[in-house]
Amino acid sequence: MALFKKRTVGKPGEWFYCLKHKKVEEGPECPAKDRFGPYASREEAAHAMETARERNLQWDNDPKWNDTPAGRADDE
Protein backbone atom coordinates (compact mmCIF):
# COMPACT_ATOMS: atom_id res chain seq x y z
CA MET A 1 0.00 0.00 0.00
CA ALA A 2 1.39 3.39 -1.00
CA LEU A 3 2.00 5.93 1.71
CA PHE A 4 1.27 8.83 -0.58
CA LYS A 5 -1.61 8.96 -3.00
CA LYS A 6 -0.86 10.46 -6.40
CA ARG A 7 -2.74 13.73 -6.59
CA THR A 8 -3.28 15.91 -9.59
CA VAL A 9 -4.06 19.58 -9.39
CA GLY A 10 -6.98 21.00 -11.31
CA LYS A 11 -10.41 19.86 -12.35
CA PRO A 12 -12.12 18.73 -15.51
CA GLY A 13 -13.22 21.84 -17.40
CA GLU A 14 -9.90 23.54 -16.74
CA TRP A 15 -7.63 23.68 -19.75
CA PHE A 16 -3.84 23.56 -19.85
CA TYR A 17 -1.14 23.85 -22.51
CA CYS A 18 1.57 21.19 -22.23
CA LEU A 19 4.98 22.64 -23.09
CA LYS A 20 6.56 19.20 -23.46
CA HIS A 21 4.00 17.72 -25.87
CA LYS A 22 2.89 21.07 -27.37
CA LYS A 23 -0.79 20.25 -26.98
CA VAL A 24 -3.90 21.38 -25.15
CA GLU A 25 -5.09 19.18 -22.26
CA GLU A 26 -8.33 19.16 -20.30
CA GLY A 27 -7.51 18.76 -16.66
CA PRO A 28 -3.89 18.19 -15.77
CA GLU A 29 -2.27 15.32 -17.62
CA CYS A 30 1.37 16.38 -17.40
CA PRO A 31 3.34 17.65 -14.38
CA ALA A 32 2.93 21.32 -13.44
CA LYS A 33 6.52 22.05 -14.47
CA ASP A 34 5.60 21.19 -18.07
CA ARG A 35 2.39 23.18 -18.49
CA PHE A 36 0.79 26.62 -18.58
CA GLY A 37 -2.66 27.11 -17.10
CA PRO A 38 -5.31 26.68 -16.05
CA TYR A 39 -7.28 28.49 -18.72
CA ALA A 40 -11.05 28.93 -18.83
CA SER A 41 -11.41 27.55 -22.36
CA ARG A 42 -9.71 25.29 -24.87
CA GLU A 43 -9.26 28.31 -27.17
CA GLU A 44 -7.35 30.27 -24.49
CA ALA A 45 -5.09 27.29 -23.82
CA ALA A 46 -4.42 26.89 -27.55
CA HIS A 47 -3.04 30.45 -27.62
CA ALA A 48 -0.90 30.04 -24.48
CA MET A 49 2.45 30.54 -26.23
CA GLU A 50 1.21 33.66 -28.04
CA THR A 51 -0.11 35.06 -24.74
CA ALA A 52 3.24 34.35 -23.06
CA ARG A 53 5.15 36.13 -25.87
CA GLU A 54 2.88 39.19 -25.57
CA ARG A 55 3.29 39.31 -21.80
CA ASN A 56 7.08 38.97 -22.08
CA LEU A 57 7.19 41.89 -24.53
CA GLN A 58 5.08 44.01 -22.17
CA TRP A 59 7.37 43.12 -19.28
CA ASP A 60 10.54 43.86 -21.30
CA ASN A 61 9.19 47.28 -22.32
CA ASP A 62 7.71 48.30 -18.96
CA PRO A 63 9.71 51.33 -17.73
CA LYS A 64 8.94 50.45 -14.10
CA TRP A 65 10.93 47.21 -14.48
CA ASN A 66 13.54 48.30 -17.00
CA ASP A 67 16.31 50.05 -15.07
CA THR A 68 19.01 49.81 -17.75
CA PRO A 69 20.26 53.31 -18.64
CA ALA A 70 19.25 54.54 -22.09
CA GLY A 71 21.71 53.62 -24.84
CA ARG A 72 23.23 50.73 -22.90
CA ALA A 73 22.63 47.01 -23.44
CA ASP A 74 21.88 44.70 -20.49
CA ASP A 75 25.00 42.58 -21.05
CA GLU A 76 27.56 45.41 -21.07
PDB file of N, CA and C in Angstrom:
ATOM      1  N   MET A   1       0.840  -1.181   0.000  1.00  0.00           N
ATOM      2  CA  MET A   1       0.000   0.000   0.000  1.00  0.00           C
ATOM      3  C   MET A   1       0.885   1.246   0.000  1.00  0.00           C
ATOM      4  N   ALA A   2       0.598   2.171  -0.883  1.00  0.00           N
ATOM      5  CA  ALA A   2       1.394   3.386  -0.998  1.00  0.00           C
ATOM      6  C   ALA A   2       1.106   4.328   0.161  1.00  0.00           C
ATOM      7  N   LEU A   3       2.167   4.959   0.630  1.00  0.00           N
ATOM      8  CA  LEU A   3       2.000   5.935   1.707  1.00  0.00           C
ATOM      9  C   LEU A   3       1.391   7.235   1.197  1.00  0.00           C
ATOM     10  N   PHE A   4       1.758   7.582  -0.022  1.00  0.00           N
ATOM     11  CA  PHE A   4       1.270   8.834  -0.584  1.00  0.00           C
ATOM     12  C   PHE A   4       0.441   8.546  -1.816  1.00  0.00           C
ATOM     13  N   LYS A   5      -0.706   9.122  -1.869  1.00  0.00           N
ATOM     14  CA  LYS A   5      -1.610   8.957  -2.998  1.00  0.00           C
ATOM     15  C   LYS A   5      -1.225   9.968  -4.073  1.00  0.00           C
ATOM     16  N   LYS A   6      -1.166   9.542  -5.311  1.00  0.00           N
ATOM     17  CA  LYS A   6      -0.859  10.457  -6.403  1.00  0.00           C
ATOM     18  C   LYS A   6      -2.021  11.432  -6.566  1.00  0.00           C
ATOM     19  N   ARG A   7      -1.708  12.701  -6.447  1.00  0.00           N
ATOM     20  CA  ARG A   7      -2.744  13.726  -6.591  1.00  0.00           C
ATOM     21  C   ARG A   7      -2.432  14.585  -7.797  1.00  0.00           C
ATOM     22  N   THR A   8      -3.443  14.953  -8.515  1.00  0.00           N
ATOM     23  CA  THR A   8      -3.284  15.910  -9.595  1.00  0.00           C
ATOM     24  C   THR A   8      -3.948  17.202  -9.156  1.00  0.00           C
ATOM     25  N   VAL A   9      -3.495  18.282  -9.714  1.00  0.00           N
ATOM     26  CA  VAL A   9      -4.058  19.584  -9.394  1.00  0.00           C
ATOM     27  C   VAL A   9      -4.939  20.007 -10.557  1.00  0.00           C
ATOM     28  N   GLY A  10      -6.082  20.547 -10.267  1.00  0.00           N
ATOM     29  CA  GLY A  10      -6.985  20.998 -11.310  1.00  0.00           C
ATOM     30  C   GLY A  10      -8.214  20.120 -11.387  1.00  0.00           C
ATOM     31  N   LYS A  11      -9.137  20.554 -12.212  1.00  0.00           N
ATOM     32  CA  LYS A  11     -10.412  19.855 -12.345  1.00  0.00           C
ATOM     33  C   LYS A  11     -10.780  19.733 -13.813  1.00  0.00           C
ATOM     34  N   PRO A  12     -11.607  18.762 -14.147  1.00  0.00           N
ATOM     35  CA  PRO A  12     -12.123  18.728 -15.508  1.00  0.00           C
ATOM     36  C   PRO A  12     -12.818  20.057 -15.816  1.00  0.00           C
ATOM     37  N   GLY A  13     -12.666  20.532 -17.023  1.00  0.00           N
ATOM     38  CA  GLY A  13     -13.220  21.837 -17.396  1.00  0.00           C
ATOM     39  C   GLY A  13     -12.167  22.920 -17.334  1.00  0.00           C
ATOM     40  N   GLU A  14     -11.040  22.623 -16.702  1.00  0.00           N
ATOM     41  CA  GLU A  14      -9.901  23.536 -16.736  1.00  0.00           C
ATOM     42  C   GLU A  14      -8.983  23.062 -17.862  1.00  0.00           C
ATOM     43  N   TRP A  15      -8.448  24.007 -18.587  1.00  0.00           N
ATOM     44  CA  TRP A  15      -7.625  23.685 -19.749  1.00  0.00           C
ATOM     45  C   TRP A  15      -6.191  24.110 -19.497  1.00  0.00           C
ATOM     46  N   PHE A  16      -5.264  23.312 -20.006  1.00  0.00           N
ATOM     47  CA  PHE A  16      -3.840  23.561 -19.847  1.00  0.00           C
ATOM     48  C   PHE A  16      -3.149  23.418 -21.194  1.00  0.00           C
ATOM     49  N   TYR A  17      -1.975  24.054 -21.320  1.00  0.00           N
ATOM     50  CA  TYR A  17      -1.143  23.855 -22.506  1.00  0.00           C
ATOM     51  C   TYR A  17       0.123  23.153 -22.053  1.00  0.00           C
ATOM     52  N   CYS A  18       0.387  21.965 -22.584  1.00  0.00           N
ATOM     53  CA  CYS A  18       1.572  21.193 -22.227  1.00  0.00           C
ATOM     54  C   CYS A  18       2.749  21.664 -23.075  1.00  0.00           C
ATOM     55  N   LEU A  19       3.789  22.150 -22.402  1.00  0.00           N
ATOM     56  CA  LEU A  19       4.983  22.644 -23.088  1.00  0.00           C
ATOM     57  C   LEU A  19       5.806  21.495 -23.665  1.00  0.00           C
ATOM     58  N   LYS A  20       5.783  20.357 -23.015  1.00  0.00           N
ATOM     59  CA  LYS A  20       6.564  19.201 -23.456  1.00  0.00           C
ATOM     60  C   LYS A  20       5.975  18.573 -24.722  1.00  0.00           C
ATOM     61  N   HIS A  21       4.655  18.379 -24.740  1.00  0.00           N
ATOM     62  CA  HIS A  21       3.996  17.724 -25.868  1.00  0.00           C
ATOM     63  C   HIS A  21       3.399  18.705 -26.878  1.00  0.00           C
ATOM     64  N   LYS A  22       3.427  20.005 -26.513  1.00  0.00           N
ATOM     65  CA  LYS A  22       2.892  21.068 -27.373  1.00  0.00           C
ATOM     66  C   LYS A  22       1.447  20.793 -27.776  1.00  0.00           C
ATOM     67  N   LYS A  23       0.622  20.512 -26.726  1.00  0.00           N
ATOM     68  CA  LYS A  23      -0.787  20.247 -26.984  1.00  0.00           C
ATOM     69  C   LYS A  23      -1.645  20.757 -25.831  1.00  0.00           C
ATOM     70  N   VAL A  24      -2.922  20.943 -26.137  1.00  0.00           N
ATOM     71  CA  VAL A  24      -3.904  21.382 -25.152  1.00  0.00           C
ATOM     72  C   VAL A  24      -4.431  20.155 -24.420  1.00  0.00           C
ATOM     73  N   GLU A  25      -4.590  20.277 -23.087  1.00  0.00           N
ATOM     74  CA  GLU A  25      -5.087  19.181 -22.264  1.00  0.00           C
ATOM     75  C   GLU A  25      -6.252  19.672 -21.420  1.00  0.00           C
ATOM     76  N   GLU A  26      -7.255  18.831 -21.246  1.00  0.00           N
ATOM     77  CA  GLU A  26      -8.330  19.159 -20.302  1.00  0.00           C
ATOM     78  C   GLU A  26      -7.991  18.490 -18.985  1.00  0.00           C
ATOM     79  N   GLY A  27      -7.969  19.289 -17.938  1.00  0.00           N
ATOM     80  CA  GLY A  27      -7.509  18.755 -16.659  1.00  0.00           C
ATOM     81  C   GLY A  27      -6.017  18.512 -16.769  1.00  0.00           C
ATOM     82  N   PRO A  28      -5.330  18.376 -15.671  1.00  0.00           N
ATOM     83  CA  PRO A  28      -3.886  18.191 -15.769  1.00  0.00           C
ATOM     84  C   PRO A  28      -3.535  16.760 -16.160  1.00  0.00           C
ATOM     85  N   GLU A  29      -2.782  16.624 -17.227  1.00  0.00           N
ATOM     86  CA  GLU A  29      -2.271  15.317 -17.623  1.00  0.00           C
ATOM     87  C   GLU A  29      -0.773  15.241 -17.354  1.00  0.00           C
ATOM     88  N   CYS A  30      -0.077  16.336 -17.577  1.00  0.00           N
ATOM     89  CA  CYS A  30       1.372  16.376 -17.395  1.00  0.00           C
ATOM     90  C   CYS A  30       1.714  17.124 -16.108  1.00  0.00           C
ATOM     91  N   PRO A  31       2.931  16.954 -15.606  1.00  0.00           N
ATOM     92  CA  PRO A  31       3.342  17.652 -14.382  1.00  0.00           C
ATOM     93  C   PRO A  31       3.261  19.173 -14.535  1.00  0.00           C
ATOM     94  N   ALA A  32       3.072  19.855 -13.431  1.00  0.00           N
ATOM     95  CA  ALA A  32       2.931  21.316 -13.441  1.00  0.00           C
ATOM     96  C   ALA A  32       4.136  22.007 -14.077  1.00  0.00           C
ATOM     97  N   LYS A  33       5.314  21.430 -13.909  1.00  0.00           N
ATOM     98  CA  LYS A  33       6.524  22.054 -14.466  1.00  0.00           C
ATOM     99  C   LYS A  33       6.502  22.081 -15.997  1.00  0.00           C
ATOM    100  N   ASP A  34       5.659  21.281 -16.612  1.00  0.00           N
ATOM    101  CA  ASP A  34       5.596  21.185 -18.070  1.00  0.00           C
ATOM    102  C   ASP A  34       4.356  21.824 -18.672  1.00  0.00           C
ATOM    103  N   ARG A  35       3.636  22.651 -17.919  1.00  0.00           N
ATOM    104  CA  ARG A  35       2.392  23.181 -18.485  1.00  0.00           C
ATOM    105  C   ARG A  35       2.116  24.623 -18.058  1.00  0.00           C
ATOM    106  N   PHE A  36       1.340  25.305 -18.893  1.00  0.00           N
ATOM    107  CA  PHE A  36       0.789  26.617 -18.580  1.00  0.00           C
ATOM    108  C   PHE A  36      -0.685  26.402 -18.274  1.00  0.00           C
ATOM    109  N   GLY A  37      -1.235  27.198 -17.375  1.00  0.00           N
ATOM    110  CA  GLY A  37      -2.658  27.110 -17.101  1.00  0.00           C
ATOM    111  C   GLY A  37      -2.934  27.148 -15.621  1.00  0.00           C
ATOM    112  N   PRO A  38      -4.160  27.055 -15.235  1.00  0.00           N
ATOM    113  CA  PRO A  38      -5.308  26.677 -16.047  1.00  0.00           C
ATOM    114  C   PRO A  38      -5.894  27.861 -16.815  1.00  0.00           C
ATOM    115  N   TYR A  39      -6.551  27.530 -17.904  1.00  0.00           N
ATOM    116  CA  TYR A  39      -7.276  28.491 -18.723  1.00  0.00           C
ATOM    117  C   TYR A  39      -8.756  28.139 -18.669  1.00  0.00           C
ATOM    118  N   ALA A  40      -9.595  29.120 -18.909  1.00  0.00           N
ATOM    119  CA  ALA A  40     -11.045  28.927 -18.829  1.00  0.00           C
ATOM    120  C   ALA A  40     -11.608  28.177 -20.027  1.00  0.00           C
ATOM    121  N   SER A  41     -10.895  28.213 -21.167  1.00  0.00           N
ATOM    122  CA  SER A  41     -11.414  27.552 -22.359  1.00  0.00           C
ATOM    123  C   SER A  41     -10.286  26.886 -23.138  1.00  0.00           C
ATOM    124  N   ARG A  42     -10.680  25.973 -23.995  1.00  0.00           N
ATOM    125  CA  ARG A  42      -9.712  25.293 -24.869  1.00  0.00           C
ATOM    126  C   ARG A  42      -9.024  26.312 -25.780  1.00  0.00           C
ATOM    127  N   GLU A  43      -9.788  27.266 -26.266  1.00  0.00           N
ATOM    128  CA  GLU A  43      -9.257  28.308 -27.165  1.00  0.00           C
ATOM    129  C   GLU A  43      -8.153  29.124 -26.484  1.00  0.00           C
ATOM    130  N   GLU A  44      -8.380  29.526 -25.232  1.00  0.00           N
ATOM    131  CA  GLU A  44      -7.354  30.269 -24.489  1.00  0.00           C
ATOM    132  C   GLU A  44      -6.092  29.435 -24.331  1.00  0.00           C
ATOM    133  N   ALA A  45      -6.244  28.171 -23.997  1.00  0.00           N
ATOM    134  CA  ALA A  45      -5.093  27.290 -23.818  1.00  0.00           C
ATOM    135  C   ALA A  45      -4.331  27.109 -25.132  1.00  0.00           C
ATOM    136  N   ALA A  46      -5.053  27.053 -26.242  1.00  0.00           N
ATOM    137  CA  ALA A  46      -4.420  26.886 -27.549  1.00  0.00           C
ATOM    138  C   ALA A  46      -3.531  28.073 -27.899  1.00  0.00           C
ATOM    139  N   HIS A  47      -3.818  29.240 -27.347  1.00  0.00           N
ATOM    140  CA  HIS A  47      -3.037  30.452 -27.620  1.00  0.00           C
ATOM    141  C   HIS A  47      -2.074  30.783 -26.485  1.00  0.00           C
ATOM    142  N   ALA A  48      -1.748  29.807 -25.650  1.00  0.00           N
ATOM    143  CA  ALA A  48      -0.902  30.039 -24.475  1.00  0.00           C
ATOM    144  C   ALA A  48       0.469  30.602 -24.838  1.00  0.00           C
ATOM    145  N   MET A  49       1.101  30.076 -25.861  1.00  0.00           N
ATOM    146  CA  MET A  49       2.447  30.543 -26.230  1.00  0.00           C
ATOM    147  C   MET A  49       2.394  31.979 -26.759  1.00  0.00           C
ATOM    148  N   GLU A  50       1.372  32.299 -27.525  1.00  0.00           N
ATOM    149  CA  GLU A  50       1.206  33.664 -28.037  1.00  0.00           C
ATOM    150  C   GLU A  50       0.979  34.639 -26.871  1.00  0.00           C
ATOM    151  N   THR A  51       0.148  34.240 -25.920  1.00  0.00           N
ATOM    152  CA  THR A  51      -0.112  35.061 -24.735  1.00  0.00           C
ATOM    153  C   THR A  51       1.177  35.281 -23.945  1.00  0.00           C
ATOM    154  N   ALA A  52       1.974  34.233 -23.796  1.00  0.00           N
ATOM    155  CA  ALA A  52       3.243  34.350 -23.063  1.00  0.00           C
ATOM    156  C   ALA A  52       4.199  35.305 -23.774  1.00  0.00           C
ATOM    157  N   ARG A  53       4.287  35.213 -25.109  1.00  0.00           N
ATOM    158  CA  ARG A  53       5.155  36.129 -25.870  1.00  0.00           C
ATOM    159  C   ARG A  53       4.714  37.578 -25.677  1.00  0.00           C
ATOM    160  N   GLU A  54       3.406  37.823 -25.754  1.00  0.00           N
ATOM    161  CA  GLU A  54       2.883  39.186 -25.574  1.00  0.00           C
ATOM    162  C   GLU A  54       3.200  39.712 -24.181  1.00  0.00           C
ATOM    163  N   ARG A  55       3.013  38.886 -23.168  1.00  0.00           N
ATOM    164  CA  ARG A  55       3.293  39.309 -21.800  1.00  0.00           C
ATOM    165  C   ARG A  55       4.783  39.567 -21.592  1.00  0.00           C
ATOM    166  N   ASN A  56       5.637  38.749 -22.196  1.00  0.00           N
ATOM    167  CA  ASN A  56       7.080  38.967 -22.084  1.00  0.00           C
ATOM    168  C   ASN A  56       7.484  40.288 -22.722  1.00  0.00           C
ATOM    169  N   LEU A  57       6.899  40.612 -23.882  1.00  0.00           N
ATOM    170  CA  LEU A  57       7.194  41.895 -24.528  1.00  0.00           C
ATOM    171  C   LEU A  57       6.743  43.064 -23.660  1.00  0.00           C
ATOM    172  N   GLN A  58       5.552  42.950 -23.064  1.00  0.00           N
ATOM    173  CA  GLN A  58       5.075  44.011 -22.174  1.00  0.00           C
ATOM    174  C   GLN A  58       6.028  44.183 -20.997  1.00  0.00           C
ATOM    175  N   TRP A  59       6.459  43.084 -20.425  1.00  0.00           N
ATOM    176  CA  TRP A  59       7.372  43.124 -19.279  1.00  0.00           C
ATOM    177  C   TRP A  59       8.706  43.759 -19.689  1.00  0.00           C
ATOM    178  N   ASP A  60       9.254  43.338 -20.829  1.00  0.00           N
ATOM    179  CA  ASP A  60      10.536  43.862 -21.299  1.00  0.00           C
ATOM    180  C   ASP A  60      10.483  45.358 -21.562  1.00  0.00           C
ATOM    181  N   ASN A  61       9.322  45.872 -21.967  1.00  0.00           N
ATOM    182  CA  ASN A  61       9.185  47.280 -22.321  1.00  0.00           C
ATOM    183  C   ASN A  61       8.554  48.125 -21.224  1.00  0.00           C
ATOM    184  N   ASP A  62       8.309  47.564 -20.074  1.00  0.00           N
ATOM    185  CA  ASP A  62       7.710  48.299 -18.964  1.00  0.00           C
ATOM    186  C   ASP A  62       8.785  49.146 -18.281  1.00  0.00           C
ATOM    187  N   PRO A  63       8.666  50.479 -18.318  1.00  0.00           N
ATOM    188  CA  PRO A  63       9.705  51.329 -17.730  1.00  0.00           C
ATOM    189  C   PRO A  63       9.855  51.155 -16.215  1.00  0.00           C
ATOM    190  N   LYS A  64       8.828  50.676 -15.541  1.00  0.00           N
ATOM    191  CA  LYS A  64       8.941  50.450 -14.098  1.00  0.00           C
ATOM    192  C   LYS A  64       9.901  49.310 -13.783  1.00  0.00           C
ATOM    193  N   TRP A  65      10.074  48.372 -14.722  1.00  0.00           N
ATOM    194  CA  TRP A  65      10.927  47.213 -14.482  1.00  0.00           C
ATOM    195  C   TRP A  65      12.215  47.257 -15.283  1.00  0.00           C
ATOM    196  N   ASN A  66      12.350  48.209 -16.159  1.00  0.00           N
ATOM    197  CA  ASN A  66      13.541  48.299 -16.998  1.00  0.00           C
ATOM    198  C   ASN A  66      14.423  49.406 -16.453  1.00  0.00           C
ATOM    199  N   ASP A  67      15.442  49.041 -15.703  1.00  0.00           N
ATOM    200  CA  ASP A  67      16.307  50.052 -15.074  1.00  0.00           C
ATOM    201  C   ASP A  67      17.650  50.190 -15.769  1.00  0.00           C
ATOM    202  N   THR A  68      17.783  49.657 -16.995  1.00  0.00           N
ATOM    203  CA  THR A  68      19.007  49.808 -17.752  1.00  0.00           C
ATOM    204  C   THR A  68      19.050  51.237 -18.298  1.00  0.00           C
ATOM    205  N   PRO A  69      20.161  51.946 -18.102  1.00  0.00           N
ATOM    206  CA  PRO A  69      20.263  53.306 -18.636  1.00  0.00           C
ATOM    207  C   PRO A  69      20.090  53.332 -20.151  1.00  0.00           C
ATOM    208  N   ALA A  70      19.495  54.391 -20.646  1.00  0.00           N
ATOM    209  CA  ALA A  70      19.253  54.535 -22.088  1.00  0.00           C
ATOM    210  C   ALA A  70      20.566  54.439 -22.851  1.00  0.00           C
ATOM    211  N   GLY A  71      20.539  53.734 -23.990  1.00  0.00           N
ATOM    212  CA  GLY A  71      21.714  53.621 -24.838  1.00  0.00           C
ATOM    213  C   GLY A  71      22.697  52.558 -24.386  1.00  0.00           C
ATOM    214  N   ARG A  72      22.328  51.750 -23.404  1.00  0.00           N
ATOM    215  CA  ARG A  72      23.229  50.727 -22.897  1.00  0.00           C
ATOM    216  C   ARG A  72      22.536  49.367 -22.920  1.00  0.00           C
ATOM    217  N   ALA A  73      23.215  48.358 -23.405  1.00  0.00           N
ATOM    218  CA  ALA A  73      22.633  47.013 -23.435  1.00  0.00           C
ATOM    219  C   ALA A  73      22.745  46.366 -22.053  1.00  0.00           C
ATOM    220  N   ASP A  74      21.892  45.397 -21.775  1.00  0.00           N
ATOM    221  CA  ASP A  74      21.882  44.697 -20.491  1.00  0.00           C
ATOM    222  C   ASP A  74      23.187  43.954 -20.219  1.00  0.00           C
ATOM    223  N   ASP A  75      23.822  43.431 -21.254  1.00  0.00           N
ATOM    224  CA  ASP A  75      24.996  42.580 -21.049  1.00  0.00           C
ATOM    225  C   ASP A  75      26.324  43.325 -21.073  1.00  0.00           C
ATOM    226  N   GLU A  76      26.311  44.640 -21.076  1.00  0.00           N
ATOM    227  CA  GLU A  76      27.562  45.411 -21.074  1.00  0.00           C
ATOM    228  C   GLU A  76      28.148  45.476 -19.695  1.00  0.00           C
TER     229      GLU A  76
END
